[in-house]
Amino acid sequence: MKIVDQRIHIDVVRIQCDVCAGRGGVQSCGVVAGAKVAGRAASAWRQKTASRSKFASEKVQLALSVLTLVLLAVESFCHLRNTHHF
């Protein structure tokens, strides 16, 4: 198991995965926040009322985005603590 762990956690692979996860989490949070901004009075004439299922799916998307960012922070902290480098 240690050999597999060392091959998967080499810096080239780990850093690319961290960057992609971070970018995806931030972008997903931005999409949900952008949908909230679109609900302002100036743009209200273009908007349809959101269904409950769409509102619920946006909440789940936001929760998963935040969870992704939290897990990324925990993984980076643990990696730094164990290896003493990023």
Foldseek 3Di string as FASTA:
>chain_A
DVVVVCVCPDPVNVVVVLVVLLVVLVVLLVVLVVVVVCCDPVNVVVDDDDDPVVVVVSVVSNVVSVVSVVVSVVVVVVCCVVVVDD
